[in-house]
Amino acid sequence: MELEQYRTSLEQMVEEKSKDLIAIQENLEATNRRQALFIKVLQIL
């Protein structure tokens, strides 16, 4: 039973970290899009 609890705990940790990493990736992608747009605006000026 102890191993089952440990496994469940590890699965929850992995799920949380995966969600965190997905959120970070989405944030970085949005930042990258804003940066690309900013560079395009500077090239126009």
PDB file of N, CA and C in Angstrom:
ATOM      1  N   MET A   1       0.823  -1.201   0.000  1.00  0.00           N
ATOM      2  CA  MET A   1       0.000   0.000   0.000  1.00  0.00           C
ATOM      3  C   MET A   1       0.865   1.262   0.000  1.00  0.00           C
ATOM      4  N   GLU A   2       1.970   1.216   0.697  1.00  0.00           N
ATOM      5  CA  GLU A   2       2.863   2.362   0.769  1.00  0.00           C
ATOM      6  C   GLU A   2       3.421   2.710  -0.613  1.00  0.00           C
ATOM      7  N   LEU A   3       3.777   1.699  -1.385  1.00  0.00           N
ATOM      8  CA  LEU A   3       4.287   1.942  -2.734  1.00  0.00           C
ATOM      9  C   LEU A   3       3.223   2.576  -3.627  1.00  0.00           C
ATOM     10  N   GLU A   4       1.994   2.162  -3.464  1.00  0.00           N
ATOM     11  CA  GLU A   4       0.894   2.725  -4.254  1.00  0.00           C
ATOM     12  C   GLU A   4       0.721   4.215  -3.940  1.00  0.00           C
ATOM     13  N   GLN A   5       0.823   4.572  -2.670  1.00  0.00           N
ATOM     14  CA  GLN A   5       0.711   5.979  -2.277  1.00  0.00           C
ATOM     15  C   GLN A   5       1.879   6.787  -2.841  1.00  0.00           C
ATOM     16  N   TYR A   6       3.056   6.199  -2.804  1.00  0.00           N
ATOM     17  CA  TYR A   6       4.242   6.865  -3.334  1.00  0.00           C
ATOM     18  C   TYR A   6       4.092   7.078  -4.839  1.00  0.00           C
ATOM     19  N   ARG A   7       3.620   6.066  -5.537  1.00  0.00           N
ATOM     20  CA  ARG A   7       3.415   6.160  -6.981  1.00  0.00           C
ATOM     21  C   ARG A   7       2.389   7.243  -7.302  1.00  0.00           C
ATOM     22  N   THR A   8       1.295   7.259  -6.561  1.00  0.00           N
ATOM     23  CA  THR A   8       0.257   8.265  -6.767  1.00  0.00           C
ATOM     24  C   THR A   8       0.806   9.665  -6.521  1.00  0.00           C
ATOM     25  N   SER A   9       1.595   9.800  -5.477  1.00  0.00           N
ATOM     26  CA  SER A   9       2.204  11.086  -5.162  1.00  0.00           C
ATOM     27  C   SER A   9       3.137  11.536  -6.290  1.00  0.00           C
ATOM     28  N   LEU A  10       3.929  10.621  -6.801  1.00  0.00           N
ATOM     29  CA  LEU A  10       4.834  10.954  -7.903  1.00  0.00           C
ATOM     30  C   LEU A  10       4.059  11.345  -9.155  1.00  0.00           C
ATOM     31  N   GLU A  11       2.985  10.639  -9.436  1.00  0.00           N
ATOM     32  CA  GLU A  11       2.160  10.968 -10.603  1.00  0.00           C
ATOM     33  C   GLU A  11       1.584  12.374 -10.480  1.00  0.00           C
ATOM     34  N   GLN A  12       1.144  12.729  -9.284  1.00  0.00           N
ATOM     35  CA  GLN A  12       0.596  14.071  -9.061  1.00  0.00           C
ATOM     36  C   GLN A  12       1.676  15.134  -9.241  1.00  0.00           C
ATOM     37  N   MET A  13       2.870  14.844  -8.741  1.00  0.00           N
ATOM     38  CA  MET A  13       3.970  15.787  -8.895  1.00  0.00           C
ATOM     39  C   MET A  13       4.312  15.984 -10.366  1.00  0.00           C
ATOM     40  N   VAL A  14       4.364  14.897 -11.113  1.00  0.00           N
ATOM     41  CA  VAL A  14       4.674  14.981 -12.542  1.00  0.00           C
ATOM     42  C   VAL A  14       3.593  15.774 -13.271  1.00  0.00           C
ATOM     43  N   GLU A  15       2.345  15.538 -12.917  1.00  0.00           N
ATOM     44  CA  GLU A  15       1.238  16.259 -13.551  1.00  0.00           C
ATOM     45  C   GLU A  15       1.325  17.756 -13.265  1.00  0.00           C
ATOM     46  N   GLU A  16       1.625  18.112 -12.017  1.00  0.00           N
ATOM     47  CA  GLU A  16       1.756  19.525 -11.656  1.00  0.00           C
ATOM     48  C   GLU A  16       2.910  20.174 -12.403  1.00  0.00           C
ATOM     49  N   LYS A  17       4.041  19.498 -12.438  1.00  0.00           N
ATOM     50  CA  LYS A  17       5.211  20.047 -13.136  1.00  0.00           C
ATOM     51  C   LYS A  17       4.936  20.175 -14.627  1.00  0.00           C
ATOM     52  N   SER A  18       4.232  19.211 -15.188  1.00  0.00           N
ATOM     53  CA  SER A  18       3.889  19.274 -16.609  1.00  0.00           C
ATOM     54  C   SER A  18       3.005  20.481 -16.890  1.00  0.00           C
ATOM     55  N   LYS A  19       2.026  20.717 -16.031  1.00  0.00           N
ATOM     56  CA  LYS A  19       1.153  21.885 -16.197  1.00  0.00           C
ATOM     57  C   LYS A  19       1.961  23.171 -16.085  1.00  0.00           C
ATOM     58  N   ASP A  20       2.878  23.211 -15.124  1.00  0.00           N
ATOM     59  CA  ASP A  20       3.729  24.390 -14.963  1.00  0.00           C
ATOM     60  C   ASP A  20       4.558  24.626 -16.218  1.00  0.00           C
ATOM     61  N   LEU A  21       5.146  23.558 -16.749  1.00  0.00           N
ATOM     62  CA  LEU A  21       5.987  23.693 -17.940  1.00  0.00           C
ATOM     63  C   LEU A  21       5.179  24.126 -19.157  1.00  0.00           C
ATOM     64  N   ILE A  22       3.966  23.631 -19.282  1.00  0.00           N
ATOM     65  CA  ILE A  22       3.103  24.041 -20.390  1.00  0.00           C
ATOM     66  C   ILE A  22       2.784  25.530 -20.273  1.00  0.00           C
ATOM     67  N   ALA A  23       2.481  25.987 -19.071  1.00  0.00           N
ATOM     68  CA  ALA A  23       2.187  27.410 -18.857  1.00  0.00           C
ATOM     69  C   ALA A  23       3.409  28.271 -19.173  1.00  0.00           C
ATOM     70  N   ILE A  24       4.569  27.819 -18.757  1.00  0.00           N
ATOM     71  CA  ILE A  24       5.807  28.553 -19.041  1.00  0.00           C
ATOM     72  C   ILE A  24       6.059  28.605 -20.542  1.00  0.00           C
ATOM     73  N   GLN A  25       5.871  27.484 -21.220  1.00  0.00           N
ATOM     74  CA  GLN A  25       6.073  27.436 -22.667  1.00  0.00           C
ATOM     75  C   GLN A  25       5.114  28.389 -23.383  1.00  0.00           C
ATOM     76  N   GLU A  26       3.854  28.397 -22.971  1.00  0.00           N
ATOM     77  CA  GLU A  26       2.876  29.295 -23.587  1.00  0.00           C
ATOM     78  C   GLU A  26       3.261  30.751 -23.353  1.00  0.00           C
ATOM     79  N   ASN A  27       3.743  31.054 -22.166  1.00  0.00           N
ATOM     80  CA  ASN A  27       4.176  32.412 -21.854  1.00  0.00           C
ATOM     81  C   ASN A  27       5.376  32.809 -22.714  1.00  0.00           C
ATOM     82  N   LEU A  28       6.330  31.903 -22.864  1.00  0.00           N
ATOM     83  CA  LEU A  28       7.501  32.193 -23.690  1.00  0.00           C
ATOM     84  C   LEU A  28       7.123  32.381 -25.151  1.00  0.00           C
ATOM     85  N   GLU A  29       6.198  31.572 -25.643  1.00  0.00           N
ATOM     86  CA  GLU A  29       5.755  31.711 -27.027  1.00  0.00           C
ATOM     87  C   GLU A  29       5.057  33.049 -27.242  1.00  0.00           C
ATOM     88  N   ALA A  30       4.237  33.466 -26.288  1.00  0.00           N
ATOM     89  CA  ALA A  30       3.563  34.765 -26.391  1.00  0.00           C
ATOM     90  C   ALA A  30       4.588  35.899 -26.354  1.00  0.00           C
ATOM     91  N   THR A  31       5.576  35.777 -25.489  1.00  0.00           N
ATOM     92  CA  THR A  31       6.631  36.783 -25.407  1.00  0.00           C
ATOM     93  C   THR A  31       7.403  36.846 -26.714  1.00  0.00           C
ATOM     94  N   ASN A  32       7.679  35.699 -27.294  1.00  0.00           N
ATOM     95  CA  ASN A  32       8.395  35.642 -28.563  1.00  0.00           C
ATOM     96  C   ASN A  32       7.597  36.326 -29.677  1.00  0.00           C
ATOM     97  N   ARG A  33       6.279  36.106 -29.689  1.00  0.00           N
ATOM     98  CA  ARG A  33       5.436  36.759 -30.697  1.00  0.00           C
ATOM     99  C   ARG A  33       5.448  38.281 -30.518  1.00  0.00           C
ATOM    100  N   ARG A  34       5.368  38.731 -29.266  1.00  0.00           N
ATOM    101  CA  ARG A  34       5.405  40.176 -29.004  1.00  0.00           C
ATOM    102  C   ARG A  34       6.749  40.769 -29.417  1.00  0.00           C
ATOM    103  N   GLN A  35       7.811  40.050 -29.143  1.00  0.00           N
ATOM    104  CA  GLN A  35       9.139  40.526 -29.504  1.00  0.00           C
ATOM    105  C   GLN A  35       9.281  40.610 -31.023  1.00  0.00           C
ATOM    106  N   ALA A  36       8.791  39.604 -31.731  1.00  0.00           N
ATOM    107  CA  ALA A  36       8.859  39.616 -33.190  1.00  0.00           C
ATOM    108  C   ALA A  36       8.066  40.791 -33.752  1.00  0.00           C
ATOM    109  N   LEU A  37       6.905  41.052 -33.181  1.00  0.00           N
ATOM    110  CA  LEU A  37       6.094  42.188 -33.622  1.00  0.00           C
ATOM    111  C   LEU A  37       6.815  43.500 -33.346  1.00  0.00           C
ATOM    112  N   PHE A  38       7.425  43.613 -32.188  1.00  0.00           N
ATOM    113  CA  PHE A  38       8.169  44.816 -31.831  1.00  0.00           C
ATOM    114  C   PHE A  38       9.307  45.056 -32.819  1.00  0.00           C
ATOM    115  N   ILE A  39      10.022  44.008 -33.178  1.00  0.00           N
ATOM    116  CA  ILE A  39      11.127  44.129 -34.136  1.00  0.00           C
ATOM    117  C   ILE A  39      10.600  44.569 -35.500  1.00  0.00           C
ATOM    118  N   LYS A  40       9.466  44.028 -35.918  1.00  0.00           N
ATOM    119  CA  LYS A  40       8.870  44.446 -37.192  1.00  0.00           C
ATOM    120  C   LYS A  40       8.517  45.928 -37.164  1.00  0.00           C
ATOM    121  N   VAL A  41       7.971  46.382 -36.047  1.00  0.00           N
ATOM    122  CA  VAL A  41       7.624  47.800 -35.921  1.00  0.00           C
ATOM    123  C   VAL A  41       8.883  48.655 -36.010  1.00  0.00           C
ATOM    124  N   LEU A  42       9.952  48.240 -35.362  1.00  0.00           N
ATOM    125  CA  LEU A  42      11.201  48.998 -35.414  1.00  0.00           C
ATOM    126  C   LEU A  42      11.758  49.043 -36.829  1.00  0.00           C
ATOM    127  N   GLN A  43      11.590  47.977 -37.584  1.00  0.00           N
ATOM    128  CA  GLN A  43      12.097  47.947 -38.957  1.00  0.00           C
ATOM    129  C   GLN A  43      11.323  48.913 -39.849  1.00  0.00           C
ATOM    130  N   ILE A  44      10.053  49.125 -39.526  1.00  0.00           N
ATOM    131  CA  ILE A  44       9.229  50.049 -40.309  1.00  0.00           C
ATOM    132  C   ILE A  44       9.674  51.489 -40.065  1.00  0.00           C
ATOM    133  N   LEU A  45      10.065  51.769 -38.824  1.00  0.00           N
ATOM    134  CA  LEU A  45      10.439  53.146 -38.455  1.00  0.00           C
ATOM    135  C   LEU A  45      11.735  53.546 -39.036  1.00  0.00           C
TER     136      LEU A  45
END
